[in-house]
Amino acid sequence: MKITGSSSAAVTNVGAGAGAQAMAAPVQAEASAAPAAALQSEVLKPAAEALRAMPDFDAARVAELRDALARGELPFDPGRLAGLIQKFHGGR
């Protein structure tokens, strides 16, 4: 959240009633979003549990690919890899 001098000046010039209403608006918006968030959470719960049950990576598959690379059975183009990395990270 960005705070600037102009918005703080506006807050000090607002009366107590209007200021309280302005501060309550975001809280009301969050409260109305809570049922939607709970529904989304329930819908995604099985997927989240399945994801937590999975290992961070498949060590057997990594070893299989590493061995295939070492044997020359898996093509590897370092120039293409570099281009993809540059494209993904914005090519600074």
PDB file of N, CA and C in Angstrom:
ATOM      1  N   MET A   1       0.848  -1.170   0.000  1.00  0.00           N
ATOM      2  CA  MET A   1       0.000   0.000   0.000  1.00  0.00           C
ATOM      3  C   MET A   1       0.887   1.225   0.000  1.00  0.00           C
ATOM      4  N   LYS A   2       0.555   2.175  -0.839  1.00  0.00           N
ATOM      5  CA  LYS A   2       1.328   3.395  -0.948  1.00  0.00           C
ATOM      6  C   LYS A   2       0.630   4.493  -0.173  1.00  0.00           C
ATOM      7  N   ILE A   3       1.377   5.172   0.680  1.00  0.00           N
ATOM      8  CA  ILE A   3       0.830   6.256   1.478  1.00  0.00           C
ATOM      9  C   ILE A   3       1.512   7.538   1.025  1.00  0.00           C
ATOM     10  N   THR A   4       0.708   8.539   0.699  1.00  0.00           N
ATOM     11  CA  THR A   4       1.266   9.821   0.265  1.00  0.00           C
ATOM     12  C   THR A   4       0.818  10.905   1.225  1.00  0.00           C
ATOM     13  N   GLY A   5       1.471  12.032   1.166  1.00  0.00           N
ATOM     14  CA  GLY A   5       1.128  13.153   2.032  1.00  0.00           C
ATOM     15  C   GLY A   5      -0.263  13.686   1.766  1.00  0.00           C
ATOM     16  N   SER A   6      -0.718  13.654   0.509  1.00  0.00           N
ATOM     17  CA  SER A   6      -2.023  14.221   0.188  1.00  0.00           C
ATOM     18  C   SER A   6      -3.161  13.424   0.817  1.00  0.00           C
ATOM     19  N   SER A   7      -3.052  12.090   0.870  1.00  0.00           N
ATOM     20  CA  SER A   7      -4.138  11.314   1.458  1.00  0.00           C
ATOM     21  C   SER A   7      -4.184  11.475   2.970  1.00  0.00           C
ATOM     22  N   SER A   8      -3.042  11.650   3.616  1.00  0.00           N
ATOM     23  CA  SER A   8      -3.072  11.838   5.065  1.00  0.00           C
ATOM     24  C   SER A   8      -3.672  13.194   5.414  1.00  0.00           C
ATOM     25  N   ALA A   9      -3.460  14.192   4.567  1.00  0.00           N
ATOM     26  CA  ALA A   9      -4.056  15.505   4.814  1.00  0.00           C
ATOM     27  C   ALA A   9      -5.568  15.431   4.669  1.00  0.00           C
ATOM     28  N   ALA A  10      -6.036  14.644   3.715  1.00  0.00           N
ATOM     29  CA  ALA A  10      -7.473  14.502   3.511  1.00  0.00           C
ATOM     30  C   ALA A  10      -8.116  13.816   4.704  1.00  0.00           C
ATOM     31  N   VAL A  11      -7.433  12.883   5.309  1.00  0.00           N
ATOM     32  CA  VAL A  11      -7.983  12.167   6.458  1.00  0.00           C
ATOM     33  C   VAL A  11      -8.100  13.099   7.649  1.00  0.00           C
ATOM     34  N   THR A  12      -7.149  13.996   7.862  1.00  0.00           N
ATOM     35  CA  THR A  12      -7.212  14.886   9.018  1.00  0.00           C
ATOM     36  C   THR A  12      -8.313  15.928   8.866  1.00  0.00           C
ATOM     37  N   ASN A  13      -8.730  16.252   7.639  1.00  0.00           N
ATOM     38  CA  ASN A  13      -9.770  17.250   7.420  1.00  0.00           C
ATOM     39  C   ASN A  13     -11.171  16.657   7.416  1.00  0.00           C
ATOM     40  N   VAL A  14     -11.316  15.344   7.511  1.00  0.00           N
ATOM     41  CA  VAL A  14     -12.623  14.684   7.457  1.00  0.00           C
ATOM     42  C   VAL A  14     -13.202  14.651   8.866  1.00  0.00           C
ATOM     43  N   GLY A  15     -14.513  14.876   8.971  1.00  0.00           N
ATOM     44  CA  GLY A  15     -15.177  14.814  10.269  1.00  0.00           C
ATOM     45  C   GLY A  15     -15.179  13.399  10.814  1.00  0.00           C
ATOM     46  N   ALA A  16     -15.444  13.228  12.093  1.00  0.00           N
ATOM     47  CA  ALA A  16     -15.382  11.913  12.739  1.00  0.00           C
ATOM     48  C   ALA A  16     -16.376  10.936  12.117  1.00  0.00           C
ATOM     49  N   GLY A  17     -17.587  11.379  11.808  1.00  0.00           N
ATOM     50  CA  GLY A  17     -18.594  10.482  11.234  1.00  0.00           C
ATOM     51  C   GLY A  17     -18.199  10.001   9.850  1.00  0.00           C
ATOM     52  N   ALA A  18     -17.784  10.902   8.996  1.00  0.00           N
ATOM     53  CA  ALA A  18     -17.403  10.541   7.636  1.00  0.00           C
ATOM     54  C   ALA A  18     -16.137   9.691   7.646  1.00  0.00           C
ATOM     55  N   GLY A  19     -15.208  10.013   8.542  1.00  0.00           N
ATOM     56  CA  GLY A  19     -13.967   9.244   8.634  1.00  0.00           C
ATOM     57  C   GLY A  19     -14.226   7.815   9.063  1.00  0.00           C
ATOM     58  N   ALA A  20     -15.141   7.652  10.006  1.00  0.00           N
ATOM     59  CA  ALA A  20     -15.476   6.309  10.474  1.00  0.00           C
ATOM     60  C   ALA A  20     -16.135   5.509   9.361  1.00  0.00           C
ATOM     61  N   GLN A  21     -17.005   6.170   8.566  1.00  0.00           N
ATOM     62  CA  GLN A  21     -17.644   5.473   7.449  1.00  0.00           C
ATOM     63  C   GLN A  21     -16.614   5.088   6.402  1.00  0.00           C
ATOM     64  N   ALA A  22     -15.679   5.971   6.117  1.00  0.00           N
ATOM     65  CA  ALA A  22     -14.651   5.686   5.118  1.00  0.00           C
ATOM     66  C   ALA A  22     -13.772   4.524   5.557  1.00  0.00           C
ATOM     67  N   MET A  23     -13.485   4.448   6.852  1.00  0.00           N
ATOM     68  CA  MET A  23     -12.646   3.367   7.358  1.00  0.00           C
ATOM     69  C   MET A  23     -13.420   2.058   7.418  1.00  0.00           C
ATOM     70  N   ALA A  24     -14.736   2.104   7.593  1.00  0.00           N
ATOM     71  CA  ALA A  24     -15.537   0.888   7.684  1.00  0.00           C
ATOM     72  C   ALA A  24     -15.770   0.249   6.327  1.00  0.00           C
ATOM     73  N   ALA A  25     -15.692   1.014   5.241  1.00  0.00           N
ATOM     74  CA  ALA A  25     -15.972   0.487   3.897  1.00  0.00           C
ATOM     75  C   ALA A  25     -15.068  -0.684   3.532  1.00  0.00           C
ATOM     76  N   PRO A  26     -13.743  -0.602   3.735  1.00  0.00           N
ATOM     77  CA  PRO A  26     -12.911  -1.755   3.389  1.00  0.00           C
ATOM     78  C   PRO A  26     -13.232  -2.980   4.241  1.00  0.00           C
ATOM     79  N   VAL A  27     -13.578  -2.776   5.501  1.00  0.00           N
ATOM     80  CA  VAL A  27     -13.909  -3.897   6.375  1.00  0.00           C
ATOM     81  C   VAL A  27     -15.167  -4.589   5.875  1.00  0.00           C
ATOM     82  N   GLN A  28     -16.183  -3.806   5.455  1.00  0.00           N
ATOM     83  CA  GLN A  28     -17.413  -4.381   4.924  1.00  0.00           C
ATOM     84  C   GLN A  28     -17.135  -5.147   3.643  1.00  0.00           C
ATOM     85  N   ALA A  29     -16.265  -4.638   2.787  1.00  0.00           N
ATOM     86  CA  ALA A  29     -15.928  -5.324   1.542  1.00  0.00           C
ATOM     87  C   ALA A  29     -15.257  -6.655   1.841  1.00  0.00           C
ATOM     88  N   GLU A  30     -14.367  -6.683   2.834  1.00  0.00           N
ATOM     89  CA  GLU A  30     -13.701  -7.929   3.206  1.00  0.00           C
ATOM     90  C   GLU A  30     -14.700  -8.926   3.778  1.00  0.00           C
ATOM     91  N   ALA A  31     -15.654  -8.459   4.566  1.00  0.00           N
ATOM     92  CA  ALA A  31     -16.636  -9.353   5.163  1.00  0.00           C
ATOM     93  C   ALA A  31     -17.519  -9.988   4.094  1.00  0.00           C
ATOM     94  N   SER A  32     -17.894  -9.236   3.061  1.00  0.00           N
ATOM     95  CA  SER A  32     -18.721  -9.798   2.002  1.00  0.00           C
ATOM     96  C   SER A  32     -17.929 -10.750   1.128  1.00  0.00           C
ATOM     97  N   ALA A  33     -16.610 -10.618   1.069  1.00  0.00           N
ATOM     98  CA  ALA A  33     -15.761 -11.509   0.274  1.00  0.00           C
ATOM     99  C   ALA A  33     -15.467 -12.810   1.021  1.00  0.00           C
ATOM    100  N   ALA A  34     -15.667 -12.832   2.329  1.00  0.00           N
ATOM    101  CA  ALA A  34     -15.339 -14.013   3.132  1.00  0.00           C
ATOM    102  C   ALA A  34     -16.096 -15.264   2.697  1.00  0.00           C
ATOM    103  N   PRO A  35     -17.413 -15.223   2.442  1.00  0.00           N
ATOM    104  CA  PRO A  35     -18.100 -16.439   1.983  1.00  0.00           C
ATOM    105  C   PRO A  35     -17.550 -16.956   0.661  1.00  0.00           C
ATOM    106  N   ALA A  36     -17.216 -16.061  -0.251  1.00  0.00           N
ATOM    107  CA  ALA A  36     -16.648 -16.480  -1.536  1.00  0.00           C
ATOM    108  C   ALA A  36     -15.294 -17.138  -1.321  1.00  0.00           C
ATOM    109  N   ALA A  37     -14.487 -16.590  -0.416  1.00  0.00           N
ATOM    110  CA  ALA A  37     -13.175 -17.173  -0.131  1.00  0.00           C
ATOM    111  C   ALA A  37     -13.323 -18.544   0.507  1.00  0.00           C
ATOM    112  N   ALA A  38     -14.303 -18.699   1.389  1.00  0.00           N
ATOM    113  CA  ALA A  38     -14.534 -19.997   2.025  1.00  0.00           C
ATOM    114  C   ALA A  38     -14.978 -21.024   0.992  1.00  0.00           C
ATOM    115  N   LEU A  39     -15.836 -20.621   0.061  1.00  0.00           N
ATOM    116  CA  LEU A  39     -16.289 -21.526  -0.995  1.00  0.00           C
ATOM    117  C   LEU A  39     -15.113 -21.936  -1.871  1.00  0.00           C
ATOM    118  N   GLN A  40     -14.298 -20.983  -2.244  1.00  0.00           N
ATOM    119  CA  GLN A  40     -13.137 -21.290  -3.073  1.00  0.00           C
ATOM    120  C   GLN A  40     -12.207 -22.236  -2.319  1.00  0.00           C
ATOM    121  N   SER A  41     -12.047 -22.017  -1.039  1.00  0.00           N
ATOM    122  CA  SER A  41     -11.197 -22.867  -0.227  1.00  0.00           C
ATOM    123  C   SER A  41     -11.722 -24.297  -0.200  1.00  0.00           C
ATOM    124  N   GLU A  42     -13.022 -24.456  -0.062  1.00  0.00           N
ATOM    125  CA  GLU A  42     -13.622 -25.794  -0.045  1.00  0.00           C
ATOM    126  C   GLU A  42     -13.491 -26.492  -1.396  1.00  0.00           C
ATOM    127  N   VAL A  43     -13.632 -25.729  -2.464  1.00  0.00           N
ATOM    128  CA  VAL A  43     -13.509 -26.302  -3.805  1.00  0.00           C
ATOM    129  C   VAL A  43     -12.073 -26.753  -4.066  1.00  0.00           C
ATOM    130  N   LEU A  44     -11.119 -25.964  -3.615  1.00  0.00           N
ATOM    131  CA  LEU A  44      -9.713 -26.264  -3.868  1.00  0.00           C
ATOM    132  C   LEU A  44      -9.096 -27.200  -2.841  1.00  0.00           C
ATOM    133  N   LYS A  45      -9.815 -27.511  -1.771  1.00  0.00           N
ATOM    134  CA  LYS A  45      -9.263 -28.310  -0.686  1.00  0.00           C
ATOM    135  C   LYS A  45      -8.724 -29.671  -1.157  1.00  0.00           C
ATOM    136  N   PRO A  46      -9.462 -30.448  -1.975  1.00  0.00           N
ATOM    137  CA  PRO A  46      -8.906 -31.735  -2.422  1.00  0.00           C
ATOM    138  C   PRO A  46      -7.613 -31.573  -3.234  1.00  0.00           C
ATOM    139  N   ALA A  47      -7.560 -30.555  -4.078  1.00  0.00           N
ATOM    140  CA  ALA A  47      -6.355 -30.326  -4.873  1.00  0.00           C
ATOM    141  C   ALA A  47      -5.187 -29.924  -3.980  1.00  0.00           C
ATOM    142  N   ALA A  48      -5.455 -29.086  -2.989  1.00  0.00           N
ATOM    143  CA  ALA A  48      -4.394 -28.655  -2.076  1.00  0.00           C
ATOM    144  C   ALA A  48      -3.865 -29.833  -1.265  1.00  0.00           C
ATOM    145  N   GLU A  49      -4.759 -30.717  -0.831  1.00  0.00           N
ATOM    146  CA  GLU A  49      -4.325 -31.898  -0.080  1.00  0.00           C
ATOM    147  C   GLU A  49      -3.494 -32.822  -0.956  1.00  0.00           C
ATOM    148  N   ALA A  50      -3.898 -33.013  -2.205  1.00  0.00           N
ATOM    149  CA  ALA A  50      -3.131 -33.860  -3.126  1.00  0.00           C
ATOM    150  C   ALA A  50      -1.759 -33.264  -3.388  1.00  0.00           C
ATOM    151  N   LEU A  51      -1.689 -31.958  -3.518  1.00  0.00           N
ATOM    152  CA  LEU A  51      -0.417 -31.289  -3.753  1.00  0.00           C
ATOM    153  C   LEU A  51       0.508 -31.434  -2.550  1.00  0.00           C
ATOM    154  N   ARG A  52      -0.058 -31.309  -1.336  1.00  0.00           N
ATOM    155  CA  ARG A  52       0.760 -31.472  -0.124  1.00  0.00           C
ATOM    156  C   ARG A  52       1.284 -32.901   0.003  1.00  0.00           C
ATOM    157  N   ALA A  53       0.537 -33.873  -0.496  1.00  0.00           N
ATOM    158  CA  ALA A  53       0.946 -35.274  -0.386  1.00  0.00           C
ATOM    159  C   ALA A  53       2.076 -35.625  -1.368  1.00  0.00           C
ATOM    160  N   MET A  54       2.235 -34.824  -2.405  1.00  0.00           N
ATOM    161  CA  MET A  54       3.265 -35.096  -3.404  1.00  0.00           C
ATOM    162  C   MET A  54       4.635 -34.649  -2.898  1.00  0.00           C
ATOM    163  N   PRO A  55       5.695 -35.355  -3.311  1.00  0.00           N
ATOM    164  CA  PRO A  55       7.041 -34.900  -2.947  1.00  0.00           C
ATOM    165  C   PRO A  55       7.369 -33.600  -3.684  1.00  0.00           C
ATOM    166  N   ASP A  56       8.361 -32.874  -3.171  1.00  0.00           N
ATOM    167  CA  ASP A  56       8.763 -31.624  -3.818  1.00  0.00           C
ATOM    168  C   ASP A  56       9.215 -31.870  -5.253  1.00  0.00           C
ATOM    169  N   PHE A  57       9.889 -32.987  -5.489  1.00  0.00           N
ATOM    170  CA  PHE A  57      10.295 -33.372  -6.827  1.00  0.00           C
ATOM    171  C   PHE A  57      10.420 -34.885  -6.881  1.00  0.00           C
ATOM    172  N   ASP A  58      10.395 -35.410  -8.080  1.00  0.00           N
ATOM    173  CA  ASP A  58      10.481 -36.854  -8.289  1.00  0.00           C
ATOM    174  C   ASP A  58      11.949 -37.213  -8.492  1.00  0.00           C
ATOM    175  N   ALA A  59      12.612 -37.649  -7.427  1.00  0.00           N
ATOM    176  CA  ALA A  59      14.047 -37.941  -7.477  1.00  0.00           C
ATOM    177  C   ALA A  59      14.357 -39.036  -8.496  1.00  0.00           C
ATOM    178  N   ALA A  60      13.493 -40.033  -8.612  1.00  0.00           N
ATOM    179  CA  ALA A  60      13.728 -41.115  -9.575  1.00  0.00           C
ATOM    180  C   ALA A  60      13.687 -40.572 -11.002  1.00  0.00           C
ATOM    181  N   ARG A  61      12.729 -39.680 -11.269  1.00  0.00           N
ATOM    182  CA  ARG A  61      12.624 -39.110 -12.623  1.00  0.00           C
ATOM    183  C   ARG A  61      13.821 -38.220 -12.926  1.00  0.00           C
ATOM    184  N   VAL A  62      14.288 -37.468 -11.946  1.00  0.00           N
ATOM    185  CA  VAL A  62      15.463 -36.618 -12.136  1.00  0.00           C
ATOM    186  C   VAL A  62      16.670 -37.481 -12.475  1.00  0.00           C
ATOM    187  N   ALA A  63      16.858 -38.573 -11.750  1.00  0.00           N
ATOM    188  CA  ALA A  63      17.981 -39.479 -12.015  1.00  0.00           C
ATOM    189  C   ALA A  63      17.865 -40.092 -13.412  1.00  0.00           C
ATOM    190  N   GLU A  64      16.654 -40.479 -13.797  1.00  0.00           N
ATOM    191  CA  GLU A  64      16.415 -41.055 -15.126  1.00  0.00           C
ATOM    192  C   GLU A  64      16.782 -40.059 -16.229  1.00  0.00           C
ATOM    193  N   LEU A  65      16.364 -38.824 -16.084  1.00  0.00           N
ATOM    194  CA  LEU A  65      16.677 -37.803 -17.077  1.00  0.00           C
ATOM    195  C   LEU A  65      18.165 -37.473 -17.103  1.00  0.00           C
ATOM    196  N   ARG A  66      18.788 -37.397 -15.934  1.00  0.00           N
ATOM    197  CA  ARG A  66      20.225 -37.125 -15.855  1.00  0.00           C
ATOM    198  C   ARG A  66      21.010 -38.215 -16.570  1.00  0.00           C
ATOM    199  N   ASP A  67      20.625 -39.485 -16.352  1.00  0.00           N
ATOM    200  CA  ASP A  67      21.304 -40.606 -17.007  1.00  0.00           C
ATOM    201  C   ASP A  67      21.085 -40.572 -18.521  1.00  0.00           C
ATOM    202  N   ALA A  68      19.868 -40.249 -18.955  1.00  0.00           N
ATOM    203  CA  ALA A  68      19.581 -40.160 -20.388  1.00  0.00           C
ATOM    204  C   ALA A  68      20.407 -39.054 -21.040  1.00  0.00           C
ATOM    205  N   LEU A  69      20.565 -37.928 -20.354  1.00  0.00           N
ATOM    206  CA  LEU A  69      21.413 -36.847 -20.863  1.00  0.00           C
ATOM    207  C   LEU A  69      22.860 -37.307 -20.977  1.00  0.00           C
ATOM    208  N   ALA A  70      23.350 -38.001 -19.952  1.00  0.00           N
ATOM    209  CA  ALA A  70      24.740 -38.471 -19.947  1.00  0.00           C
ATOM    210  C   ALA A  70      24.986 -39.472 -21.076  1.00  0.00           C
ATOM    211  N   ARG A  71      24.006 -40.295 -21.400  1.00  0.00           N
ATOM    212  CA  ARG A  71      24.151 -41.284 -22.470  1.00  0.00           C
ATOM    213  C   ARG A  71      23.922 -40.670 -23.855  1.00  0.00           C
ATOM    214  N   GLY A  72      23.494 -39.420 -23.907  1.00  0.00           N
ATOM    215  CA  GLY A  72      23.225 -38.763 -25.179  1.00  0.00           C
ATOM    216  C   GLY A  72      21.892 -39.147 -25.783  1.00  0.00           C
ATOM    217  N   GLU A  73      21.019 -39.738 -25.004  1.00  0.00           N
ATOM    218  CA  GLU A  73      19.710 -40.174 -25.495  1.00  0.00           C
ATOM    219  C   GLU A  73      18.668 -39.060 -25.446  1.00  0.00           C
ATOM    220  N   LEU A  74      18.951 -38.031 -24.743  1.00  0.00           N
ATOM    221  CA  LEU A  74      18.022 -36.907 -24.607  1.00  0.00           C
ATOM    222  C   LEU A  74      18.678 -35.683 -25.230  1.00  0.00           C
ATOM    223  N   PRO A  75      18.064 -35.121 -26.270  1.00  0.00           N
ATOM    224  CA  PRO A  75      18.694 -33.966 -26.912  1.00  0.00           C
ATOM    225  C   PRO A  75      18.727 -32.762 -25.970  1.00  0.00           C
ATOM    226  N   PHE A  76      19.821 -32.035 -26.058  1.00  0.00           N
ATOM    227  CA  PHE A  76      19.983 -30.852 -25.214  1.00  0.00           C
ATOM    228  C   PHE A  76      20.558 -29.731 -26.079  1.00  0.00           C
ATOM    229  N   ASP A  77      19.863 -28.612 -26.109  1.00  0.00           N
ATOM    230  CA  ASP A  77      20.301 -27.448 -26.878  1.00  0.00           C
ATOM    231  C   ASP A  77      20.525 -26.302 -25.898  1.00  0.00           C
ATOM    232  N   PRO A  78      21.785 -26.080 -25.495  1.00  0.00           N
ATOM    233  CA  PRO A  78      22.045 -25.030 -24.502  1.00  0.00           C
ATOM    234  C   PRO A  78      21.636 -23.641 -24.987  1.00  0.00           C
ATOM    235  N   GLY A  79      21.741 -23.378 -26.286  1.00  0.00           N
ATOM    236  CA  GLY A  79      21.319 -22.080 -26.821  1.00  0.00           C
ATOM    237  C   GLY A  79      19.817 -21.871 -26.669  1.00  0.00           C
ATOM    238  N   ARG A  80      19.053 -22.930 -26.923  1.00  0.00           N
ATOM    239  CA  ARG A  80      17.598 -22.842 -26.761  1.00  0.00           C
ATOM    240  C   ARG A  80      17.240 -22.643 -25.288  1.00  0.00           C
ATOM    241  N   LEU A  81      17.921 -23.381 -24.407  1.00  0.00           N
ATOM    242  CA  LEU A  81      17.676 -23.228 -22.970  1.00  0.00           C
ATOM    243  C   LEU A  81      17.980 -21.799 -22.520  1.00  0.00           C
ATOM    244  N   ALA A  82      19.105 -21.259 -22.987  1.00  0.00           N
ATOM    245  CA  ALA A  82      19.467 -19.888 -22.622  1.00  0.00           C
ATOM    246  C   ALA A  82      18.409 -18.901 -23.123  1.00  0.00           C
ATOM    247  N   GLY A  83      17.915 -19.113 -24.336  1.00  0.00           N
ATOM    248  CA  GLY A  83      16.876 -18.236 -24.873  1.00  0.00           C
ATOM    249  C   GLY A  83      15.593 -18.302 -24.074  1.00  0.00           C
ATOM    250  N   LEU A  84      15.210 -19.514 -23.667  1.00  0.00           N
ATOM    251  CA  LEU A  84      14.000 -19.669 -22.857  1.00  0.00           C
ATOM    252  C   LEU A  84      14.155 -19.018 -21.487  1.00  0.00           C
ATOM    253  N   ILE A  85      15.325 -19.167 -20.893  1.00  0.00           N
ATOM    254  CA  ILE A  85      15.572 -18.534 -19.586  1.00  0.00           C
ATOM    255  C   ILE A  85      15.513 -17.011 -19.737  1.00  0.00           C
ATOM    256  N   GLN A  86      16.132 -16.511 -20.795  1.00  0.00           N
ATOM    257  CA  GLN A  86      16.112 -15.069 -21.023  1.00  0.00           C
ATOM    258  C   GLN A  86      14.703 -14.560 -21.274  1.00  0.00           C
ATOM    259  N   LYS A  87      13.921 -15.314 -22.040  1.00  0.00           N
ATOM    260  CA  LYS A  87      12.549 -14.915 -22.320  1.00  0.00           C
ATOM    261  C   LYS A  87      11.716 -14.928 -21.032  1.00  0.00           C
ATOM    262  N   PHE A  88      11.875 -15.964 -20.214  1.00  0.00           N
ATOM    263  CA  PHE A  88      11.118 -16.085 -18.983  1.00  0.00           C
ATOM    264  C   PHE A  88      11.452 -14.982 -17.988  1.00  0.00           C
ATOM    265  N   HIS A  89      12.732 -14.652 -17.879  1.00  0.00           N
ATOM    266  CA  HIS A  89      13.164 -13.677 -16.885  1.00  0.00           C
ATOM    267  C   HIS A  89      13.250 -12.256 -17.424  1.00  0.00           C
ATOM    268  N   GLY A  90      12.813 -12.032 -18.630  1.00  0.00           N
ATOM    269  CA  GLY A  90      12.731 -10.671 -19.152  1.00  0.00           C
ATOM    270  C   GLY A  90      13.949 -10.182 -19.900  1.00  0.00           C
ATOM    271  N   GLY A  91      14.999 -10.929 -19.968  1.00  0.00           N
ATOM    272  CA  GLY A  91      16.175 -10.551 -20.746  1.00  0.00           C
ATOM    273  C   GLY A  91      16.726  -9.194 -20.409  1.00  0.00           C
ATOM    274  N   ARG A  92      17.029  -8.953 -19.183  1.00  0.00           N
ATOM    275  CA  ARG A  92      17.538  -7.650 -18.720  1.00  0.00           C
ATOM    276  C   ARG A  92      18.734  -7.227 -19.440  1.00  0.00           C
TER     277      ARG A  92
END
